[in-house]
Amino acid sequence: MHNIKAREKFKHFSIVNLNNRKKYVWRGMLLAIREEIWKHRNRVIFKQRKVYPDGIFGLAQVIDWVWMKHKIPSVKFSYSDFVLSPFSCLKSL
């Protein structure tokens, strides 16, 4: 039942006119952000760390780019290109 809720939530963050590979990458980006928010939340609650929104998003970008490079051989853009223009990079897939 939990997986069904997650799938339904992904539908709310869809971008129109993406092929299956681009949808796969977009969902990976959303999962990376969600995961980093969760980890950061736990560090704040359990280790009394400060909140750094830029850090959360920056770590999510690194994780997502590494994941894409590993999973999708056609990824040819650099990390800096991905950070500066993620949607352009997504369109290039």
PDB file of N, CA and C in Angstrom:
ATOM      1  N   MET A   1       0.813  -1.187   0.000  1.00  0.00           N
ATOM      2  CA  MET A   1       0.000   0.000   0.000  1.00  0.00           C
ATOM      3  C   MET A   1       0.864   1.261   0.000  1.00  0.00           C
ATOM      4  N   HIS A   2       1.979   1.221   0.710  1.00  0.00           N
ATOM      5  CA  HIS A   2       2.871   2.375   0.765  1.00  0.00           C
ATOM      6  C   HIS A   2       3.419   2.713  -0.622  1.00  0.00           C
ATOM      7  N   ASN A   3       3.743   1.699  -1.430  1.00  0.00           N
ATOM      8  CA  ASN A   3       4.267   1.928  -2.782  1.00  0.00           C
ATOM      9  C   ASN A   3       3.234   2.597  -3.681  1.00  0.00           C
ATOM     10  N   ILE A   4       1.988   2.256  -3.502  1.00  0.00           N
ATOM     11  CA  ILE A   4       0.941   2.868  -4.312  1.00  0.00           C
ATOM     12  C   ILE A   4       0.876   4.362  -4.020  1.00  0.00           C
ATOM     13  N   LYS A   5       0.976   4.751  -2.775  1.00  0.00           N
ATOM     14  CA  LYS A   5       0.951   6.162  -2.425  1.00  0.00           C
ATOM     15  C   LYS A   5       2.139   6.892  -3.045  1.00  0.00           C
ATOM     16  N   ALA A   6       3.299   6.270  -3.011  1.00  0.00           N
ATOM     17  CA  ALA A   6       4.496   6.886  -3.596  1.00  0.00           C
ATOM     18  C   ALA A   6       4.315   7.080  -5.093  1.00  0.00           C
ATOM     19  N   ARG A   7       3.783   6.085  -5.775  1.00  0.00           N
ATOM     20  CA  ARG A   7       3.550   6.208  -7.222  1.00  0.00           C
ATOM     21  C   ARG A   7       2.570   7.325  -7.530  1.00  0.00           C
ATOM     22  N   GLU A   8       1.527   7.428  -6.744  1.00  0.00           N
ATOM     23  CA  GLU A   8       0.544   8.491  -6.955  1.00  0.00           C
ATOM     24  C   GLU A   8       1.175   9.868  -6.750  1.00  0.00           C
ATOM     25  N   LYS A   9       2.055   9.997  -5.775  1.00  0.00           N
ATOM     26  CA  LYS A   9       2.714  11.275  -5.525  1.00  0.00           C
ATOM     27  C   LYS A   9       3.612  11.667  -6.695  1.00  0.00           C
ATOM     28  N   PHE A  10       4.265  10.685  -7.325  1.00  0.00           N
ATOM     29  CA  PHE A  10       5.114  10.981  -8.479  1.00  0.00           C
ATOM     30  C   PHE A  10       4.311  11.610  -9.615  1.00  0.00           C
ATOM     31  N   LYS A  11       3.075  11.219  -9.762  1.00  0.00           N
ATOM     32  CA  LYS A  11       2.241  11.763 -10.835  1.00  0.00           C
ATOM     33  C   LYS A  11       2.050  13.269 -10.694  1.00  0.00           C
ATOM     34  N   HIS A  12       2.102  13.775  -9.485  1.00  0.00           N
ATOM     35  CA  HIS A  12       1.931  15.204  -9.254  1.00  0.00           C
ATOM     36  C   HIS A  12       3.164  16.000  -9.683  1.00  0.00           C
ATOM     37  N   PHE A  13       4.289  15.338  -9.866  1.00  0.00           N
ATOM     38  CA  PHE A  13       5.524  16.019 -10.220  1.00  0.00           C
ATOM     39  C   PHE A  13       6.003  15.627 -11.614  1.00  0.00           C
ATOM     40  N   SER A  14       5.067  15.364 -12.479  1.00  0.00           N
ATOM     41  CA  SER A  14       5.403  14.959 -13.840  1.00  0.00           C
ATOM     42  C   SER A  14       5.666  16.176 -14.709  1.00  0.00           C
ATOM     43  N   ILE A  15       6.521  15.978 -15.678  1.00  0.00           N
ATOM     44  CA  ILE A  15       6.743  16.988 -16.705  1.00  0.00           C
ATOM     45  C   ILE A  15       6.175  16.406 -17.991  1.00  0.00           C
ATOM     46  N   VAL A  16       5.372  17.170 -18.672  1.00  0.00           N
ATOM     47  CA  VAL A  16       4.709  16.702 -19.885  1.00  0.00           C
ATOM     48  C   VAL A  16       5.734  16.527 -21.004  1.00  0.00           C
ATOM     49  N   ASN A  17       5.464  15.597 -21.884  1.00  0.00           N
ATOM     50  CA  ASN A  17       6.253  15.341 -23.094  1.00  0.00           C
ATOM     51  C   ASN A  17       7.654  14.798 -22.813  1.00  0.00           C
ATOM     52  N   LEU A  18       7.800  13.976 -21.803  1.00  0.00           N
ATOM     53  CA  LEU A  18       9.084  13.311 -21.568  1.00  0.00           C
ATOM     54  C   LEU A  18       8.979  11.866 -22.009  1.00  0.00           C
ATOM     55  N   ASN A  19      10.048  11.380 -22.640  1.00  0.00           N
ATOM     56  CA  ASN A  19      10.070   9.963 -22.967  1.00  0.00           C
ATOM     57  C   ASN A  19      10.355   9.168 -21.699  1.00  0.00           C
ATOM     58  N   ASN A  20      10.326   7.844 -21.784  1.00  0.00           N
ATOM     59  CA  ASN A  20      10.472   7.013 -20.590  1.00  0.00           C
ATOM     60  C   ASN A  20      11.819   7.207 -19.901  1.00  0.00           C
ATOM     61  N   ARG A  21      12.892   7.371 -20.658  1.00  0.00           N
ATOM     62  CA  ARG A  21      14.211   7.574 -20.051  1.00  0.00           C
ATOM     63  C   ARG A  21      14.249   8.880 -19.258  1.00  0.00           C
ATOM     64  N   LYS A  22      13.696   9.930 -19.826  1.00  0.00           N
ATOM     65  CA  LYS A  22      13.683  11.228 -19.148  1.00  0.00           C
ATOM     66  C   LYS A  22      12.801  11.192 -17.900  1.00  0.00           C
ATOM     67  N   LYS A  23      11.670  10.483 -17.985  1.00  0.00           N
ATOM     68  CA  LYS A  23      10.822  10.325 -16.798  1.00  0.00           C
ATOM     69  C   LYS A  23      11.574   9.574 -15.704  1.00  0.00           C
ATOM     70  N   TYR A  24      12.326   8.557 -16.084  1.00  0.00           N
ATOM     71  CA  TYR A  24      13.125   7.767 -15.149  1.00  0.00           C
ATOM     72  C   TYR A  24      14.137   8.661 -14.428  1.00  0.00           C
ATOM     73  N   VAL A  25      14.808   9.504 -15.182  1.00  0.00           N
ATOM     74  CA  VAL A  25      15.795  10.427 -14.604  1.00  0.00           C
ATOM     75  C   VAL A  25      15.106  11.456 -13.717  1.00  0.00           C
ATOM     76  N   TRP A  26      14.004  12.028 -14.171  1.00  0.00           N
ATOM     77  CA  TRP A  26      13.275  13.023 -13.384  1.00  0.00           C
ATOM     78  C   TRP A  26      12.834  12.429 -12.045  1.00  0.00           C
ATOM     79  N   ARG A  27      12.326  11.217 -12.069  1.00  0.00           N
ATOM     80  CA  ARG A  27      11.913  10.566 -10.825  1.00  0.00           C
ATOM     81  C   ARG A  27      13.114  10.312  -9.920  1.00  0.00           C
ATOM     82  N   GLY A  28      14.241   9.973 -10.518  1.00  0.00           N
ATOM     83  CA  GLY A  28      15.465   9.795  -9.732  1.00  0.00           C
ATOM     84  C   GLY A  28      15.876  11.088  -9.050  1.00  0.00           C
ATOM     85  N   MET A  29      15.714  12.201  -9.749  1.00  0.00           N
ATOM     86  CA  MET A  29      16.031  13.503  -9.166  1.00  0.00           C
ATOM     87  C   MET A  29      15.130  13.784  -7.964  1.00  0.00           C
ATOM     88  N   LEU A  30      13.844  13.505  -8.117  1.00  0.00           N
ATOM     89  CA  LEU A  30      12.911  13.733  -7.014  1.00  0.00           C
ATOM     90  C   LEU A  30      13.228  12.840  -5.823  1.00  0.00           C
ATOM     91  N   LEU A  31      13.585  11.583  -6.090  1.00  0.00           N
ATOM     92  CA  LEU A  31      13.937  10.673  -4.999  1.00  0.00           C
ATOM     93  C   LEU A  31      15.202  11.120  -4.278  1.00  0.00           C
ATOM     94  N   ALA A  32      16.171  11.604  -5.018  1.00  0.00           N
ATOM     95  CA  ALA A  32      17.424  12.071  -4.400  1.00  0.00           C
ATOM     96  C   ALA A  32      17.153  13.260  -3.477  1.00  0.00           C
ATOM     97  N   ILE A  33      16.318  14.181  -3.922  1.00  0.00           N
ATOM     98  CA  ILE A  33      15.979  15.343  -3.093  1.00  0.00           C
ATOM     99  C   ILE A  33      15.224  14.897  -1.845  1.00  0.00           C
ATOM    100  N   ARG A  34      14.247  14.021  -2.028  1.00  0.00           N
ATOM    101  CA  ARG A  34      13.474  13.527  -0.887  1.00  0.00           C
ATOM    102  C   ARG A  34      14.370  12.820   0.117  1.00  0.00           C
ATOM    103  N   GLU A  35      15.279  12.007  -0.362  1.00  0.00           N
ATOM    104  CA  GLU A  35      16.191  11.261   0.507  1.00  0.00           C
ATOM    105  C   GLU A  35      17.104  12.206   1.298  1.00  0.00           C
ATOM    106  N   GLU A  36      17.623  13.229   0.638  1.00  0.00           N
ATOM    107  CA  GLU A  36      18.497  14.172   1.335  1.00  0.00           C
ATOM    108  C   GLU A  36      17.742  15.002   2.368  1.00  0.00           C
ATOM    109  N   ILE A  37      16.499  15.354   2.060  1.00  0.00           N
ATOM    110  CA  ILE A  37      15.683  16.065   3.047  1.00  0.00           C
ATOM    111  C   ILE A  37      15.482  15.176   4.276  1.00  0.00           C
ATOM    112  N   TRP A  38      15.195  13.901   4.054  1.00  0.00           N
ATOM    113  CA  TRP A  38      14.992  12.960   5.150  1.00  0.00           C
ATOM    114  C   TRP A  38      16.260  12.810   5.997  1.00  0.00           C
ATOM    115  N   LYS A  39      17.402  12.636   5.347  1.00  0.00           N
ATOM    116  CA  LYS A  39      18.664  12.489   6.079  1.00  0.00           C
ATOM    117  C   LYS A  39      18.985  13.754   6.877  1.00  0.00           C
ATOM    118  N   HIS A  40      18.770  14.901   6.238  1.00  0.00           N
ATOM    119  CA  HIS A  40      19.053  16.171   6.904  1.00  0.00           C
ATOM    120  C   HIS A  40      18.134  16.362   8.111  1.00  0.00           C
ATOM    121  N   ARG A  41      16.884  16.026   7.942  1.00  0.00           N
ATOM    122  CA  ARG A  41      15.923  16.105   9.036  1.00  0.00           C
ATOM    123  C   ARG A  41      16.388  15.265  10.211  1.00  0.00           C
ATOM    124  N   ASN A  42      16.844  14.050   9.934  1.00  0.00           N
ATOM    125  CA  ASN A  42      17.325  13.175  11.003  1.00  0.00           C
ATOM    126  C   ASN A  42      18.562  13.752  11.687  1.00  0.00           C
ATOM    127  N   ARG A  43      19.452  14.368  10.926  1.00  0.00           N
ATOM    128  CA  ARG A  43      20.634  14.984  11.538  1.00  0.00           C
ATOM    129  C   ARG A  43      20.243  16.149  12.443  1.00  0.00           C
ATOM    130  N   VAL A  44      19.240  16.912  12.028  1.00  0.00           N
ATOM    131  CA  VAL A  44      18.771  18.036  12.847  1.00  0.00           C
ATOM    132  C   VAL A  44      18.133  17.515  14.138  1.00  0.00           C
ATOM    133  N   ILE A  45      17.286  16.516  14.026  1.00  0.00           N
ATOM    134  CA  ILE A  45      16.558  16.004  15.188  1.00  0.00           C
ATOM    135  C   ILE A  45      17.471  15.222  16.135  1.00  0.00           C
ATOM    136  N   PHE A  46      18.264  14.303  15.597  1.00  0.00           N
ATOM    137  CA  PHE A  46      19.005  13.381  16.448  1.00  0.00           C
ATOM    138  C   PHE A  46      20.419  13.834  16.789  1.00  0.00           C
ATOM    139  N   LYS A  47      20.972  14.730  15.994  1.00  0.00           N
ATOM    140  CA  LYS A  47      22.342  15.172  16.251  1.00  0.00           C
ATOM    141  C   LYS A  47      22.438  16.679  16.469  1.00  0.00           C
ATOM    142  N   GLN A  48      21.299  17.327  16.572  1.00  0.00           N
ATOM    143  CA  GLN A  48      21.199  18.768  16.825  1.00  0.00           C
ATOM    144  C   GLN A  48      22.023  19.598  15.825  1.00  0.00           C
ATOM    145  N   ARG A  49      21.987  19.201  14.570  1.00  0.00           N
ATOM    146  CA  ARG A  49      22.676  19.959  13.529  1.00  0.00           C
ATOM    147  C   ARG A  49      21.812  21.124  13.076  1.00  0.00           C
ATOM    148  N   LYS A  50      22.422  22.074  12.401  1.00  0.00           N
ATOM    149  CA  LYS A  50      21.692  23.220  11.849  1.00  0.00           C
ATOM    150  C   LYS A  50      21.090  22.864  10.498  1.00  0.00           C
ATOM    151  N   VAL A  51      20.105  23.651  10.089  1.00  0.00           N
ATOM    152  CA  VAL A  51      19.456  23.454   8.791  1.00  0.00           C
ATOM    153  C   VAL A  51      20.231  24.216   7.728  1.00  0.00           C
ATOM    154  N   TYR A  52      20.624  23.507   6.651  1.00  0.00           N
ATOM    155  CA  TYR A  52      21.323  24.117   5.521  1.00  0.00           C
ATOM    156  C   TYR A  52      20.623  23.698   4.226  1.00  0.00           C
ATOM    157  N   PRO A  53      19.605  24.456   3.798  1.00  0.00           N
ATOM    158  CA  PRO A  53      18.864  24.081   2.587  1.00  0.00           C
ATOM    159  C   PRO A  53      19.762  23.929   1.358  1.00  0.00           C
ATOM    160  N   ASP A  54      20.759  24.795   1.200  1.00  0.00           N
ATOM    161  CA  ASP A  54      21.648  24.670   0.041  1.00  0.00           C
ATOM    162  C   ASP A  54      22.414  23.354   0.082  1.00  0.00           C
ATOM    163  N   GLY A  55      22.782  22.935   1.267  1.00  0.00           N
ATOM    164  CA  GLY A  55      23.491  21.668   1.425  1.00  0.00           C
ATOM    165  C   GLY A  55      22.634  20.480   1.037  1.00  0.00           C
ATOM    166  N   ILE A  56      21.366  20.540   1.403  1.00  0.00           N
ATOM    167  CA  ILE A  56      20.441  19.454   1.058  1.00  0.00           C
ATOM    168  C   ILE A  56      20.354  19.322  -0.458  1.00  0.00           C
ATOM    169  N   PHE A  57      20.112  20.428  -1.126  1.00  0.00           N
ATOM    170  CA  PHE A  57      19.945  20.383  -2.574  1.00  0.00           C
ATOM    171  C   PHE A  57      21.260  20.036  -3.266  1.00  0.00           C
ATOM    172  N   GLY A  58      22.371  20.560  -2.766  1.00  0.00           N
ATOM    173  CA  GLY A  58      23.676  20.258  -3.352  1.00  0.00           C
ATOM    174  C   GLY A  58      24.011  18.779  -3.275  1.00  0.00           C
ATOM    175  N   LEU A  59      23.762  18.156  -2.130  1.00  0.00           N
ATOM    176  CA  LEU A  59      24.004  16.719  -1.994  1.00  0.00           C
ATOM    177  C   LEU A  59      23.079  15.920  -2.908  1.00  0.00           C
ATOM    178  N   ALA A  60      21.841  16.359  -3.020  1.00  0.00           N
ATOM    179  CA  ALA A  60      20.905  15.677  -3.914  1.00  0.00           C
ATOM    180  C   ALA A  60      21.390  15.746  -5.361  1.00  0.00           C
ATOM    181  N   GLN A  61      21.939  16.882  -5.766  1.00  0.00           N
ATOM    182  CA  GLN A  61      22.456  17.012  -7.133  1.00  0.00           C
ATOM    183  C   GLN A  61      23.627  16.062  -7.371  1.00  0.00           C
ATOM    184  N   VAL A  62      24.526  15.983  -6.407  1.00  0.00           N
ATOM    185  CA  VAL A  62      25.677  15.078  -6.551  1.00  0.00           C
ATOM    186  C   VAL A  62      25.199  13.638  -6.669  1.00  0.00           C
ATOM    187  N   ILE A  63      24.321  13.233  -5.771  1.00  0.00           N
ATOM    188  CA  ILE A  63      23.818  11.858  -5.776  1.00  0.00           C
ATOM    189  C   ILE A  63      23.114  11.546  -7.078  1.00  0.00           C
ATOM    190  N   ASP A  64      22.298  12.470  -7.548  1.00  0.00           N
ATOM    191  CA  ASP A  64      21.555  12.239  -8.783  1.00  0.00           C
ATOM    192  C   ASP A  64      22.479  12.142  -9.993  1.00  0.00           C
ATOM    193  N   TRP A  65      23.468  13.028 -10.070  1.00  0.00           N
ATOM    194  CA  TRP A  65      24.376  12.997 -11.215  1.00  0.00           C
ATOM    195  C   TRP A  65      25.189  11.696 -11.236  1.00  0.00           C
ATOM    196  N   VAL A  66      25.680  11.277 -10.088  1.00  0.00           N
ATOM    197  CA  VAL A  66      26.446  10.021 -10.016  1.00  0.00           C
ATOM    198  C   VAL A  66      25.559   8.845 -10.397  1.00  0.00           C
ATOM    199  N   TRP A  67      24.331   8.841  -9.922  1.00  0.00           N
ATOM    200  CA  TRP A  67      23.389   7.783 -10.257  1.00  0.00           C
ATOM    201  C   TRP A  67      23.138   7.742 -11.758  1.00  0.00           C
ATOM    202  N   MET A  68      22.904   8.926 -12.370  1.00  0.00           N
ATOM    203  CA  MET A  68      22.661   8.976 -13.812  1.00  0.00           C
ATOM    204  C   MET A  68      23.864   8.465 -14.598  1.00  0.00           C
ATOM    205  N   LYS A  69      25.066   8.913 -14.221  1.00  0.00           N
ATOM    206  CA  LYS A  69      26.272   8.478 -14.934  1.00  0.00           C
ATOM    207  C   LYS A  69      26.434   6.966 -14.852  1.00  0.00           C
ATOM    208  N   HIS A  70      26.038   6.383 -13.741  1.00  0.00           N
ATOM    209  CA  HIS A  70      26.173   4.933 -13.551  1.00  0.00           C
ATOM    210  C   HIS A  70      25.091   4.152 -14.301  1.00  0.00           C
ATOM    211  N   LYS A  71      23.873   4.644 -14.277  1.00  0.00           N
ATOM    212  CA  LYS A  71      22.730   3.915 -14.827  1.00  0.00           C
ATOM    213  C   LYS A  71      22.468   4.150 -16.309  1.00  0.00           C
ATOM    214  N   ILE A  72      22.854   5.328 -16.822  1.00  0.00           N
ATOM    215  CA  ILE A  72      22.493   5.687 -18.198  1.00  0.00           C
ATOM    216  C   ILE A  72      23.756   6.026 -18.983  1.00  0.00           C
ATOM    217  N   PRO A  73      24.195   5.105 -19.833  1.00  0.00           N
ATOM    218  CA  PRO A  73      25.438   5.326 -20.586  1.00  0.00           C
ATOM    219  C   PRO A  73      25.421   6.550 -21.493  1.00  0.00           C
ATOM    220  N   SER A  74      24.245   7.007 -21.910  1.00  0.00           N
ATOM    221  CA  SER A  74      24.179   8.147 -22.823  1.00  0.00           C
ATOM    222  C   SER A  74      24.385   9.488 -22.119  1.00  0.00           C
ATOM    223  N   VAL A  75      24.544   9.495 -20.808  1.00  0.00           N
ATOM    224  CA  VAL A  75      24.791  10.748 -20.083  1.00  0.00           C
ATOM    225  C   VAL A  75      26.216  11.199 -20.392  1.00  0.00           C
ATOM    226  N   LYS A  76      26.332  12.301 -21.109  1.00  0.00           N
ATOM    227  CA  LYS A  76      27.641  12.824 -21.515  1.00  0.00           C
ATOM    228  C   LYS A  76      27.932  14.191 -20.905  1.00  0.00           C
ATOM    229  N   PHE A  77      26.933  14.794 -20.258  1.00  0.00           N
ATOM    230  CA  PHE A  77      27.143  16.126 -19.703  1.00  0.00           C
ATOM    231  C   PHE A  77      27.912  16.037 -18.379  1.00  0.00           C
ATOM    232  N   SER A  78      28.601  17.120 -18.075  1.00  0.00           N
ATOM    233  CA  SER A  78      29.408  17.166 -16.856  1.00  0.00           C
ATOM    234  C   SER A  78      28.538  17.510 -15.652  1.00  0.00           C
ATOM    235  N   TYR A  79      29.107  17.302 -14.488  1.00  0.00           N
ATOM    236  CA  TYR A  79      28.406  17.665 -13.256  1.00  0.00           C
ATOM    237  C   TYR A  79      28.102  19.164 -13.226  1.00  0.00           C
ATOM    238  N   SER A  80      29.078  19.979 -13.629  1.00  0.00           N
ATOM    239  CA  SER A  80      28.853  21.438 -13.605  1.00  0.00           C
ATOM    240  C   SER A  80      27.749  21.843 -14.574  1.00  0.00           C
ATOM    241  N   ASP A  81      27.674  21.197 -15.748  1.00  0.00           N
ATOM    242  CA  ASP A  81      26.569  21.473 -16.674  1.00  0.00           C
ATOM    243  C   ASP A  81      25.229  21.106 -16.041  1.00  0.00           C
ATOM    244  N   PHE A  82      25.215  19.968 -15.347  1.00  0.00           N
ATOM    245  CA  PHE A  82      23.992  19.507 -14.695  1.00  0.00           C
ATOM    246  C   PHE A  82      23.543  20.480 -13.602  1.00  0.00           C
ATOM    247  N   VAL A  83      24.486  20.992 -12.833  1.00  0.00           N
ATOM    248  CA  VAL A  83      24.156  21.937 -11.762  1.00  0.00           C
ATOM    249  C   VAL A  83      23.646  23.254 -12.338  1.00  0.00           C
ATOM    250  N   LEU A  84      24.283  23.731 -13.400  1.00  0.00           N
ATOM    251  CA  LEU A  84      23.911  25.019 -13.982  1.00  0.00           C
ATOM    252  C   LEU A  84      22.605  24.968 -14.771  1.00  0.00           C
ATOM    253  N   SER A  85      22.340  23.829 -15.415  1.00  0.00           N
ATOM    254  CA  SER A  85      21.152  23.744 -16.264  1.00  0.00           C
ATOM    255  C   SER A  85      20.600  22.313 -16.290  1.00  0.00           C
ATOM    256  N   PRO A  86      19.969  21.878 -15.209  1.00  0.00           N
ATOM    257  CA  PRO A  86      19.494  20.487 -15.155  1.00  0.00           C
ATOM    258  C   PRO A  86      18.453  20.151 -16.229  1.00  0.00           C
ATOM    259  N   PHE A  87      17.565  21.075 -16.540  1.00  0.00           N
ATOM    260  CA  PHE A  87      16.537  20.768 -17.537  1.00  0.00           C
ATOM    261  C   PHE A  87      17.122  20.671 -18.941  1.00  0.00           C
ATOM    262  N   SER A  88      18.131  21.450 -19.252  1.00  0.00           N
ATOM    263  CA  SER A  88      18.808  21.311 -20.546  1.00  0.00           C
ATOM    264  C   SER A  88      19.473  19.952 -20.647  1.00  0.00           C
ATOM    265  N   CYS A  89      20.102  19.542 -19.561  1.00  0.00           N
ATOM    266  CA  CYS A  89      20.747  18.227 -19.546  1.00  0.00           C
ATOM    267  C   CYS A  89      19.711  17.112 -19.679  1.00  0.00           C
ATOM    268  N   LEU A  90      18.600  17.270 -19.015  1.00  0.00           N
ATOM    269  CA  LEU A  90      17.534  16.282 -19.104  1.00  0.00           C
ATOM    270  C   LEU A  90      17.026  16.169 -20.527  1.00  0.00           C
ATOM    271  N   LYS A  91      16.908  17.289 -21.210  1.00  0.00           N
ATOM    272  CA  LYS A  91      16.442  17.283 -22.606  1.00  0.00           C
ATOM    273  C   LYS A  91      17.427  16.593 -23.527  1.00  0.00           C
ATOM    274  N   SER A  92      18.711  16.574 -23.161  1.00  0.00           N
ATOM    275  CA  SER A  92      19.722  15.983 -24.031  1.00  0.00           C
ATOM    276  C   SER A  92      19.713  14.456 -24.008  1.00  0.00           C
ATOM    277  N   LEU A  93      18.972  13.864 -23.117  1.00  0.00           N
ATOM    278  CA  LEU A  93      18.942  12.392 -23.024  1.00  0.00           C
ATOM    279  C   LEU A  93      18.095  11.775 -24.094  1.00  0.00           C
TER     280      LEU A  93
END
